[in-house]
Amino acid sequence: TAPPTTAPPTTAPPTTAPPTTAPPTTAPPTTPPPSGACRIGYVVNAWNNGLTAAVTITNTSTTALNGWTLAFTLPGGQTITGGWNATYSPSSGAVTARNVSYNASIPPGGSVDIGFQATHTGNTGRPGSFILNGNPCTSA
């Protein structure tokens, strides 16, 4: 006699179906990163081919600044001829203002007033942005 035969299965063995949705991804932020913990006030007094700029640096953080550097780019045609309460270098283009010995520290909520005199060739505008110790500031 022949051994009994088993019929082959009529359904395929179960398999894991591929996912129908893509795996989650990290979405980009919907709000820009916060601005730096500083605010800059900037007032220009212009005449013929000269101007003065009064600059107020306010520390809006909860940490004191001990030594500061303010970077900004002067509009085309402006050249610093003198300044007060900071050292300025170079005199045109991308300028860096650095503290002097008596105003290196700015406590939380505190301010420092600096300024400069400059010549101009018609453009008496203000810099477009300010960077304090590498961090962007808001403008008042």
C-alpha atoms as a PDB file:
ATOM      1  CA  THR A   1       0.000   0.000   0.000  1.00  0.00           C
ATOM      2  CA  ALA A   2       1.094   3.529  -0.697  1.00  0.00           C
ATOM      3  CA  PRO A   3       1.681   5.886   2.223  1.00  0.00           C
ATOM      4  CA  PRO A   4      -0.985   8.576   2.697  1.00  0.00           C
ATOM      5  CA  THR A   5      -0.183  11.863   0.960  1.00  0.00           C
ATOM      6  CA  THR A   6      -0.805  15.250   2.435  1.00  0.00           C
ATOM      7  CA  ALA A   7      -2.223  17.826   0.120  1.00  0.00           C
ATOM      8  CA  PRO A   8      -0.165  21.013  -0.248  1.00  0.00           C
ATOM      9  CA  PRO A   9      -1.533  24.040   1.663  1.00  0.00           C
ATOM     10  CA  THR A  10      -4.107  26.092  -0.217  1.00  0.00           C
ATOM     11  CA  THR A  11      -3.131  29.437   1.381  1.00  0.00           C
ATOM     12  CA  ALA A  12       0.280  31.037   1.481  1.00  0.00           C
ATOM     13  CA  PRO A  13       1.997  31.308   4.850  1.00  0.00           C
ATOM     14  CA  PRO A  14       1.452  34.703   6.558  1.00  0.00           C
ATOM     15  CA  THR A  15       3.941  37.473   5.802  1.00  0.00           C
ATOM     16  CA  THR A  16       4.471  40.875   7.352  1.00  0.00           C
ATOM     17  CA  ALA A  17       3.122  43.522   5.032  1.00  0.00           C
ATOM     18  CA  PRO A  18       5.291  46.553   4.354  1.00  0.00           C
ATOM     19  CA  PRO A  19       4.183  49.724   6.161  1.00  0.00           C
ATOM     20  CA  THR A  20       1.638  51.801   4.294  1.00  0.00           C
ATOM     21  CA  THR A  21       2.922  55.124   5.715  1.00  0.00           C
ATOM     22  CA  ALA A  22       6.433  56.517   5.807  1.00  0.00           C
ATOM     23  CA  PRO A  23       8.220  56.450   9.137  1.00  0.00           C
ATOM     24  CA  PRO A  24       7.944  59.715  11.076  1.00  0.00           C
ATOM     25  CA  THR A  25      10.576  62.350  10.461  1.00  0.00           C
ATOM     26  CA  THR A  26      11.570  65.350  12.521  1.00  0.00           C
ATOM     27  CA  ALA A  27       9.831  68.393  11.119  1.00  0.00           C
ATOM     28  CA  PRO A  28      11.822  71.596  10.740  1.00  0.00           C
ATOM     29  CA  PRO A  29      11.117  74.228  13.391  1.00  0.00           C
ATOM     30  CA  THR A  30       8.141  76.438  12.618  1.00  0.00           C
ATOM     31  CA  THR A  31       9.498  79.424  14.495  1.00  0.00           C
ATOM     32  CA  PRO A  32      12.919  80.996  14.064  1.00  0.00           C
ATOM     33  CA  PRO A  33      15.457  80.563  16.831  1.00  0.00           C
ATOM     34  CA  PRO A  34      15.248  83.266  19.483  1.00  0.00           C
ATOM     35  CA  SER A  35      17.305  86.392  18.962  1.00  0.00           C
ATOM     36  CA  GLY A  36      20.241  87.130  21.190  1.00  0.00           C
ATOM     37  CA  ALA A  37      19.927  88.430  24.698  1.00  0.00           C
ATOM     38  CA  CYS A  38      20.688  92.001  23.708  1.00  0.00           C
ATOM     39  CA  ARG A  39      18.949  95.047  22.307  1.00  0.00           C
ATOM     40  CA  ILE A  40      20.554  97.883  20.353  1.00  0.00           C
ATOM     41  CA  GLY A  41      19.308 101.451  20.256  1.00  0.00           C
ATOM     42  CA  TYR A  42      20.744 103.476  17.382  1.00  0.00           C
ATOM     43  CA  VAL A  43      20.102 107.192  16.786  1.00  0.00           C
ATOM     44  CA  VAL A  44      21.693 109.139  13.930  1.00  0.00           C
ATOM     45  CA  ASN A  45      22.150 112.904  13.792  1.00  0.00           C
ATOM     46  CA  ALA A  46      23.211 113.761  10.225  1.00  0.00           C
ATOM     47  CA  TRP A  47      24.248 116.941   8.406  1.00  0.00           C
ATOM     48  CA  ASN A  48      25.808 117.793   5.017  1.00  0.00           C
ATOM     49  CA  ASN A  49      28.490 115.083   4.773  1.00  0.00           C
ATOM     50  CA  GLY A  50      28.814 114.083   8.435  1.00  0.00           C
ATOM     51  CA  LEU A  51      26.881 112.304  11.165  1.00  0.00           C
ATOM     52  CA  THR A  52      27.028 111.105  14.717  1.00  0.00           C
ATOM     53  CA  ALA A  53      25.564 107.804  15.860  1.00  0.00           C
ATOM     54  CA  ALA A  54      24.538 107.235  19.481  1.00  0.00           C
ATOM     55  CA  VAL A  55      24.425 103.497  20.222  1.00  0.00           C
ATOM     56  CA  THR A  56      22.938 101.923  23.351  1.00  0.00           C
ATOM     57  CA  ILE A  57      23.796  98.285  24.064  1.00  0.00           C
ATOM     58  CA  THR A  58      21.343  96.673  26.518  1.00  0.00           C
ATOM     59  CA  ASN A  59      21.968  93.282  28.095  1.00  0.00           C
ATOM     60  CA  THR A  60      18.529  91.620  28.116  1.00  0.00           C
ATOM     61  CA  SER A  61      19.853  88.297  29.442  1.00  0.00           C
ATOM     62  CA  THR A  62      20.033  87.102  33.052  1.00  0.00           C
ATOM     63  CA  THR A  63      23.834  86.820  32.887  1.00  0.00           C
ATOM     64  CA  ALA A  64      26.318  89.661  33.200  1.00  0.00           C
ATOM     65  CA  LEU A  65      28.614  90.392  30.263  1.00  0.00           C
ATOM     66  CA  ASN A  66      32.252  90.782  31.207  1.00  0.00           C
ATOM     67  CA  GLY A  67      33.871  92.056  28.059  1.00  0.00           C
ATOM     68  CA  TRP A  68      31.925  92.692  24.870  1.00  0.00           C
ATOM     69  CA  THR A  69      32.366  93.052  21.133  1.00  0.00           C
ATOM     70  CA  LEU A  70      29.680  94.576  18.921  1.00  0.00           C
ATOM     71  CA  ALA A  71      29.881  93.811  15.187  1.00  0.00           C
ATOM     72  CA  PHE A  72      27.934  95.698  12.521  1.00  0.00           C
ATOM     73  CA  THR A  73      28.336  96.791   8.926  1.00  0.00           C
ATOM     74  CA  LEU A  74      28.185 100.481   8.115  1.00  0.00           C
ATOM     75  CA  PRO A  75      26.153 101.459   5.038  1.00  0.00           C
ATOM     76  CA  GLY A  76      28.240 102.249   1.959  1.00  0.00           C
ATOM     77  CA  GLY A  77      29.906 105.665   2.003  1.00  0.00           C
ATOM     78  CA  GLN A  78      30.108 105.967   5.815  1.00  0.00           C
ATOM     79  CA  THR A  79      33.537 106.181   7.442  1.00  0.00           C
ATOM     80  CA  ILE A  80      34.129 106.545  11.169  1.00  0.00           C
ATOM     81  CA  THR A  81      36.408 109.461  12.020  1.00  0.00           C
ATOM     82  CA  GLY A  82      36.247 109.202  15.823  1.00  0.00           C
ATOM     83  CA  GLY A  83      34.345 107.495  18.593  1.00  0.00           C
ATOM     84  CA  TRP A  84      33.685 107.367  22.315  1.00  0.00           C
ATOM     85  CA  ASN A  85      33.275 104.667  24.960  1.00  0.00           C
ATOM     86  CA  ALA A  86      34.571 101.949  22.572  1.00  0.00           C
ATOM     87  CA  THR A  87      37.390 101.236  20.156  1.00  0.00           C
ATOM     88  CA  TYR A  88      36.329 100.876  16.507  1.00  0.00           C
ATOM     89  CA  SER A  89      38.098  98.899  13.808  1.00  0.00           C
ATOM     90  CA  PRO A  90      38.202  99.231  10.839  1.00  0.00           C
ATOM     91  CA  SER A  91      36.679 102.633  10.122  1.00  0.00           C
ATOM     92  CA  SER A  92      34.276 101.483   7.353  1.00  0.00           C
ATOM     93  CA  GLY A  93      32.545  98.370   6.089  1.00  0.00           C
ATOM     94  CA  ALA A  94      32.284  95.528   8.641  1.00  0.00           C
ATOM     95  CA  VAL A  95      33.154  97.311  11.903  1.00  0.00           C
ATOM     96  CA  THR A  96      33.863  95.886  15.347  1.00  0.00           C
ATOM     97  CA  ALA A  97      33.357  98.039  18.452  1.00  0.00           C
ATOM     98  CA  ARG A  98      35.086  96.735  21.578  1.00  0.00           C
ATOM     99  CA  ASN A  99      34.651  97.767  25.194  1.00  0.00           C
ATOM    100  CA  VAL A 100      37.155 100.011  26.896  1.00  0.00           C
ATOM    101  CA  SER A 101      38.452  99.380  30.425  1.00  0.00           C
ATOM    102  CA  TYR A 102      35.708 101.272  32.266  1.00  0.00           C
ATOM    103  CA  ASN A 103      32.642  99.716  30.525  1.00  0.00           C
ATOM    104  CA  ALA A 104      33.585  96.071  30.017  1.00  0.00           C
ATOM    105  CA  SER A 105      30.844  94.778  32.330  1.00  0.00           C
ATOM    106  CA  ILE A 106      27.148  95.038  31.489  1.00  0.00           C
ATOM    107  CA  PRO A 107      24.904  93.582  34.216  1.00  0.00           C
ATOM    108  CA  PRO A 108      21.588  91.874  33.385  1.00  0.00           C
ATOM    109  CA  GLY A 109      19.157  94.618  32.379  1.00  0.00           C
ATOM    110  CA  GLY A 110      22.028  97.125  32.199  1.00  0.00           C
ATOM    111  CA  SER A 111      23.139  99.283  29.282  1.00  0.00           C
ATOM    112  CA  VAL A 112      26.264 100.878  27.883  1.00  0.00           C
ATOM    113  CA  ASP A 113      26.200 103.993  25.685  1.00  0.00           C
ATOM    114  CA  ILE A 114      28.780 104.274  22.926  1.00  0.00           C
ATOM    115  CA  GLY A 115      28.957 106.348  19.781  1.00  0.00           C
ATOM    116  CA  PHE A 116      30.941 107.624  16.876  1.00  0.00           C
ATOM    117  CA  GLN A 117      31.280 110.450  14.377  1.00  0.00           C
ATOM    118  CA  ALA A 118      31.505 109.613  10.689  1.00  0.00           C
ATOM    119  CA  THR A 119      31.591 111.133   7.250  1.00  0.00           C
ATOM    120  CA  HIS A 120      29.089 110.019   4.608  1.00  0.00           C
ATOM    121  CA  THR A 121      28.509 110.403   0.890  1.00  0.00           C
ATOM    122  CA  GLY A 122      24.725 110.720   1.135  1.00  0.00           C
ATOM    123  CA  ASN A 123      23.709 107.500   2.856  1.00  0.00           C
ATOM    124  CA  THR A 124      22.953 108.268   6.517  1.00  0.00           C
ATOM    125  CA  GLY A 125      21.193 104.953   7.201  1.00  0.00           C
ATOM    126  CA  ARG A 126      21.823 102.610  10.081  1.00  0.00           C
ATOM    127  CA  PRO A 127      23.435  99.165   9.981  1.00  0.00           C
ATOM    128  CA  GLY A 128      21.040  96.351   9.114  1.00  0.00           C
ATOM    129  CA  SER A 129      21.990  94.124  12.048  1.00  0.00           C
ATOM    130  CA  PHE A 130      24.116  93.957  15.182  1.00  0.00           C
ATOM    131  CA  ILE A 131      25.995  90.985  16.665  1.00  0.00           C
ATOM    132  CA  LEU A 132      27.065  91.139  20.332  1.00  0.00           C
ATOM    133  CA  ASN A 133      29.686  88.560  21.386  1.00  0.00           C
ATOM    134  CA  GLY A 134      28.656  86.393  18.427  1.00  0.00           C
ATOM    135  CA  ASN A 135      24.884  86.569  19.084  1.00  0.00           C
ATOM    136  CA  PRO A 136      22.341  88.570  17.073  1.00  0.00           C
ATOM    137  CA  CYS A 137      20.621  91.471  18.835  1.00  0.00           C
ATOM    138  CA  THR A 138      17.203  92.986  18.381  1.00  0.00           C
ATOM    139  CA  SER A 139      17.057  96.633  17.374  1.00  0.00           C
ATOM    140  CA  ALA A 140      15.032  99.194  19.247  1.00  0.00           C
END
